[in-house]
Amino acid sequence: MHPIAVQINSLGKLRDRIAEIAALEAEGELTGRILRLTIETELRQKGTTKTDAEKEAKADGRYLAHERTQIQLAYDRAVLEADAESERFGIELQLALMQREMAVVA
């Protein structure tokens, strides 16, 4: 397999992984909202005021753990995006070198 084909294949795999993480982030956002509302409801059922329940839910360990996971996903996606950009630049460089070689031969 030609080296540029390997790079293109690698870039495709990186893009697929980025899309997977983006989907996980979107699902996580919804899950986080539901979790926060669930915690707020639990607190309200115990007699906590609406305002206090909202504040306490944001500080709840379960919600904070979920937010940490979301932050890690965002970081992982950013790293993969940087890797994909690097791979793309590598492909563009290889193509430019190939064009230059073809121009010299012609």
Protein backbone atom coordinates (compact mmCIF):
# COMPACT_ATOMS: atom_id res chain seq x y z
CA MET A 1 0.00 0.00 0.00
CA HIS A 2 1.30 3.46 -0.90
CA PRO A 3 2.38 5.55 2.13
CA ILE A 4 -0.15 8.26 1.31
CA ALA A 5 -2.94 5.67 1.22
CA VAL A 6 -1.86 4.55 4.70
CA GLN A 7 -2.02 8.15 5.90
CA ILE A 8 -5.46 8.67 4.36
CA ASN A 9 -6.69 5.47 6.01
CA SER A 10 -5.28 6.65 9.34
CA LEU A 11 -6.97 10.03 8.94
CA GLY A 12 -10.28 8.28 8.25
CA LYS A 13 -9.94 6.23 11.42
CA LEU A 14 -9.15 9.37 13.44
CA ARG A 15 -12.20 11.14 12.00
CA ASP A 16 -14.38 8.12 12.86
CA ARG A 17 -13.11 8.17 16.45
CA ILE A 18 -13.74 11.93 16.67
CA ALA A 19 -17.32 11.36 15.53
CA GLU A 20 -17.79 8.61 18.12
CA ILE A 21 -16.57 10.88 20.90
CA ALA A 22 -18.77 13.74 19.67
CA ALA A 23 -21.77 11.40 19.89
CA LEU A 24 -20.74 10.37 23.42
CA GLU A 25 -20.46 14.03 24.38
CA ALA A 26 -23.94 14.78 23.04
CA GLU A 27 -25.42 11.79 24.86
CA GLY A 28 -23.52 12.80 27.99
CA GLU A 29 -24.95 16.29 27.87
CA LEU A 30 -28.46 14.88 27.90
CA THR A 31 -27.56 12.37 30.61
CA GLY A 32 -26.10 15.19 32.71
CA ARG A 33 -29.28 17.22 32.44
CA ILE A 34 -31.38 14.25 33.44
CA LEU A 35 -29.04 13.42 36.32
CA ARG A 36 -29.14 16.99 37.62
CA LEU A 37 -32.93 17.08 37.42
CA THR A 38 -33.16 13.71 39.16
CA ILE A 39 -30.96 14.96 41.98
CA GLU A 40 -32.99 18.18 42.22
CA THR A 41 -36.20 16.13 42.43
CA GLU A 42 -34.75 13.93 45.17
CA LEU A 43 -33.79 17.03 47.15
CA ARG A 44 -37.18 18.69 46.59
CA GLN A 45 -38.92 15.55 47.84
CA LYS A 46 -36.88 15.88 51.03
CA GLY A 47 -38.17 19.42 51.48
CA THR A 48 -35.33 21.46 49.99
CA THR A 49 -36.40 24.66 48.28
CA LYS A 50 -36.22 24.81 44.49
CA THR A 51 -33.31 27.27 44.51
CA ASP A 52 -31.34 25.30 47.07
CA ALA A 53 -32.04 22.05 45.25
CA GLU A 54 -30.66 23.53 42.04
CA LYS A 55 -27.50 24.71 43.79
CA GLU A 56 -26.98 21.46 45.71
CA ALA A 57 -27.55 19.33 42.60
CA LYS A 58 -24.68 21.08 40.83
CA ALA A 59 -22.40 20.24 43.77
CA ASP A 60 -23.59 16.63 44.13
CA GLY A 61 -20.81 14.06 43.80
CA ARG A 62 -22.69 12.08 41.15
CA TYR A 63 -23.16 15.15 38.99
CA LEU A 64 -19.55 16.28 39.46
CA ALA A 65 -18.28 12.81 38.50
CA HIS A 66 -20.39 12.98 35.36
CA GLU A 67 -19.00 16.44 34.53
CA ARG A 68 -15.43 15.16 34.99
CA THR A 69 -16.18 12.43 32.46
CA GLN A 70 -17.54 15.03 30.04
CA ILE A 71 -14.41 17.13 30.46
CA GLN A 72 -12.23 14.09 29.72
CA LEU A 73 -14.24 13.33 26.57
CA ALA A 74 -13.81 16.92 25.37
CA TYR A 75 -10.06 16.67 26.00
CA ASP A 76 -9.82 13.34 24.19
CA ARG A 77 -11.71 14.78 21.21
CA ALA A 78 -9.42 17.83 21.10
CA VAL A 79 -6.32 15.61 21.09
CA LEU A 80 -7.74 13.48 18.27
CA GLU A 81 -8.64 16.59 16.30
CA ALA A 82 -5.04 17.80 16.63
CA ASP A 83 -3.78 14.38 15.51
CA ALA A 84 -6.16 14.45 12.53
CA GLU A 85 -5.01 17.93 11.56
CA SER A 86 -1.39 16.81 11.73
CA GLU A 87 -2.18 13.76 9.60
CA ARG A 88 -4.00 15.97 7.07
CA PHE A 89 -1.00 18.30 6.82
CA GLY A 90 1.23 15.26 6.30
CA ILE A 91 -0.99 14.12 3.43
CA GLU A 92 -0.97 17.58 1.88
CA LEU A 93 2.83 17.68 2.13
CA GLN A 94 3.14 14.28 0.45
CA LEU A 95 0.81 15.39 -2.34
CA ALA A 96 2.77 18.62 -2.85
CA LEU A 97 6.03 16.66 -3.03
CA MET A 98 4.50 14.24 -5.54
CA GLN A 99 3.31 17.15 -7.70
CA ARG A 100 6.74 18.74 -7.51
CA GLU A 101 8.43 15.48 -8.57
CA MET A 102 6.01 15.11 -11.48
CA ALA A 103 6.70 18.71 -12.59
CA VAL A 104 10.47 18.10 -12.48
CA VAL A 105 10.12 14.90 -14.54
CA ALA A 106 7.88 16.58 -17.13
